[in-house]
Amino acid sequence: MSKIAFDPFSSCIAAGKATSAASTEEQFEILEKAGDVHRRHAALACCVREACLRIGDVASITGLSVPTIYREIANDRFPRAIKLTAGARAWKLSEVMGWIDSRERDSCEPTHTKP
């Protein structure tokens, strides 16, 4: 898993951005208590305005496998990476979050009925 190239704690505070669900102090506590990498990425995504994510981070945030991400890109159904250097690519957090927001929710209707 790749490492995020900035300090999420200072980024949350510096951004001064608090969602309606939690204050900046509560977000700081959430980040501090998050035990596994998936929860840290989710907490980070809710309080940082913009960041460049490597493929492992994108896979962790979206829940998609790396091959699925590249397949979706090839079919123009997922944001393309930006070029950081000659060999390094990354995705903008805002574009990944926009893609997530554009997904349809599962319907609430049951798929099968009881006899």
Protein backbone atom coordinates (compact mmCIF):
# COMPACT_ATOMS: atom_id res chain seq x y z
CA MET A 1 0.00 0.00 0.00
CA SER A 2 1.43 3.38 -0.89
CA LYS A 3 1.86 6.12 1.67
CA ILE A 4 0.01 9.42 1.49
CA ALA A 5 2.53 12.21 0.98
CA PHE A 6 1.13 14.67 3.52
CA ASP A 7 0.16 14.81 7.15
CA PRO A 8 -3.61 14.24 7.32
CA PHE A 9 -3.90 15.79 10.76
CA SER A 10 -2.42 19.17 9.85
CA SER A 11 -4.21 19.10 6.48
CA CYS A 12 -7.61 18.79 8.17
CA ILE A 13 -6.88 21.63 10.52
CA ALA A 14 -5.24 23.83 7.87
CA ALA A 15 -8.18 23.34 5.53
CA GLY A 16 -10.48 24.49 8.32
CA LYS A 17 -13.17 22.41 6.69
CA ALA A 18 -15.73 20.71 8.86
CA THR A 19 -18.57 18.68 7.44
CA SER A 20 -22.06 19.04 8.82
CA ALA A 21 -21.58 15.66 10.52
CA ALA A 22 -18.49 16.56 12.53
CA SER A 23 -16.47 19.56 13.67
CA THR A 24 -12.80 19.92 12.82
CA GLU A 25 -11.90 18.67 16.30
CA GLU A 26 -14.14 15.61 15.85
CA GLN A 27 -12.59 14.90 12.45
CA PHE A 28 -9.14 15.13 14.05
CA GLU A 29 -10.22 12.55 16.64
CA ILE A 30 -11.65 10.29 13.92
CA LEU A 31 -8.35 10.37 12.02
CA GLU A 32 -6.36 9.80 15.19
CA LYS A 33 -8.46 6.79 16.24
CA ALA A 34 -8.81 5.19 12.82
CA GLY A 35 -7.04 1.87 13.16
CA ASP A 36 -6.80 0.41 9.68
CA VAL A 37 -5.75 2.02 6.42
CA HIS A 38 -9.25 1.87 4.89
CA ARG A 39 -10.80 3.85 7.74
CA ARG A 40 -7.93 6.36 7.68
CA HIS A 41 -8.43 6.89 3.93
CA ALA A 42 -12.18 7.35 4.39
CA ALA A 43 -11.65 9.82 7.24
CA LEU A 44 -8.97 11.64 5.28
CA ALA A 45 -11.17 11.93 2.20
CA CYS A 46 -13.88 13.73 4.19
CA CYS A 47 -11.62 16.50 5.50
CA VAL A 48 -8.96 17.24 2.88
CA ARG A 49 -9.87 19.56 0.02
CA GLU A 50 -7.50 18.19 -2.65
CA ALA A 51 -4.74 15.62 -2.86
CA CYS A 52 -3.02 13.36 -5.37
CA LEU A 53 -3.67 9.68 -4.78
CA ARG A 54 -1.61 6.76 -6.04
CA ILE A 55 -3.35 3.66 -7.39
CA GLY A 56 -3.29 1.76 -4.07
CA ASP A 57 -5.01 4.66 -2.34
CA VAL A 58 -7.61 4.91 -5.13
CA ALA A 59 -8.32 1.18 -4.83
CA SER A 60 -8.66 1.49 -1.06
CA ILE A 61 -11.01 4.48 -1.21
CA THR A 62 -13.23 3.11 -4.00
CA GLY A 63 -13.23 -0.54 -2.97
CA LEU A 64 -12.32 -1.51 -6.54
CA SER A 65 -9.39 -3.72 -7.52
CA VAL A 66 -6.53 -2.17 -9.49
CA PRO A 67 -7.40 -4.14 -12.66
CA THR A 68 -11.03 -3.01 -12.39
CA ILE A 69 -9.95 0.63 -12.08
CA TYR A 70 -7.84 0.37 -15.24
CA ARG A 71 -10.64 -1.47 -17.07
CA GLU A 72 -13.10 1.29 -16.13
CA ILE A 73 -10.61 3.93 -17.32
CA ALA A 74 -10.24 2.12 -20.65
CA ASN A 75 -14.04 2.19 -21.00
CA ASP A 76 -14.19 5.92 -20.07
CA ARG A 77 -16.11 5.15 -16.87
CA PHE A 78 -13.50 6.28 -14.33
CA PRO A 79 -11.34 9.44 -14.09
CA ARG A 80 -7.94 9.24 -15.74
CA ALA A 81 -4.77 9.76 -13.75
CA ILE A 82 -2.73 12.93 -14.04
CA LYS A 83 0.96 12.82 -14.94
CA LEU A 84 3.19 13.71 -11.97
CA THR A 85 6.53 12.79 -13.55
CA ALA A 86 7.64 10.81 -16.59
CA GLY A 87 6.71 7.55 -14.85
CA ALA A 88 4.43 8.53 -11.96
CA ARG A 89 0.67 8.95 -12.22
CA ALA A 90 -1.90 9.91 -9.60
CA TRP A 91 -5.60 10.70 -9.33
CA LYS A 92 -7.10 13.88 -7.93
CA LEU A 93 -9.03 13.14 -4.74
CA SER A 94 -11.86 15.44 -5.89
CA GLU A 95 -12.29 13.47 -9.13
CA VAL A 96 -12.33 10.13 -7.32
CA MET A 97 -14.86 11.46 -4.80
CA GLY A 98 -16.94 12.89 -7.67
CA TRP A 99 -16.95 9.45 -9.31
CA ILE A 100 -18.09 7.87 -6.03
CA ASP A 101 -20.84 10.49 -5.66
CA SER A 102 -22.05 9.71 -9.19
CA ARG A 103 -22.64 6.02 -8.42
CA GLU A 104 -26.24 4.85 -8.05
CA ARG A 105 -27.31 3.36 -4.78
CA ASP A 106 -28.72 -0.15 -4.52
CA SER A 107 -32.48 -0.10 -4.58
CA CYS A 108 -34.28 -0.62 -1.30
CA GLU A 109 -36.66 -3.10 -2.86
CA PRO A 110 -36.09 -6.74 -1.95
CA THR A 111 -34.76 -8.84 -4.81
CA HIS A 112 -36.78 -11.89 -3.81
CA THR A 113 -40.03 -12.38 -1.95
CA LYS A 114 -40.96 -14.91 0.68
CA PRO A 115 -43.67 -17.46 -0.29
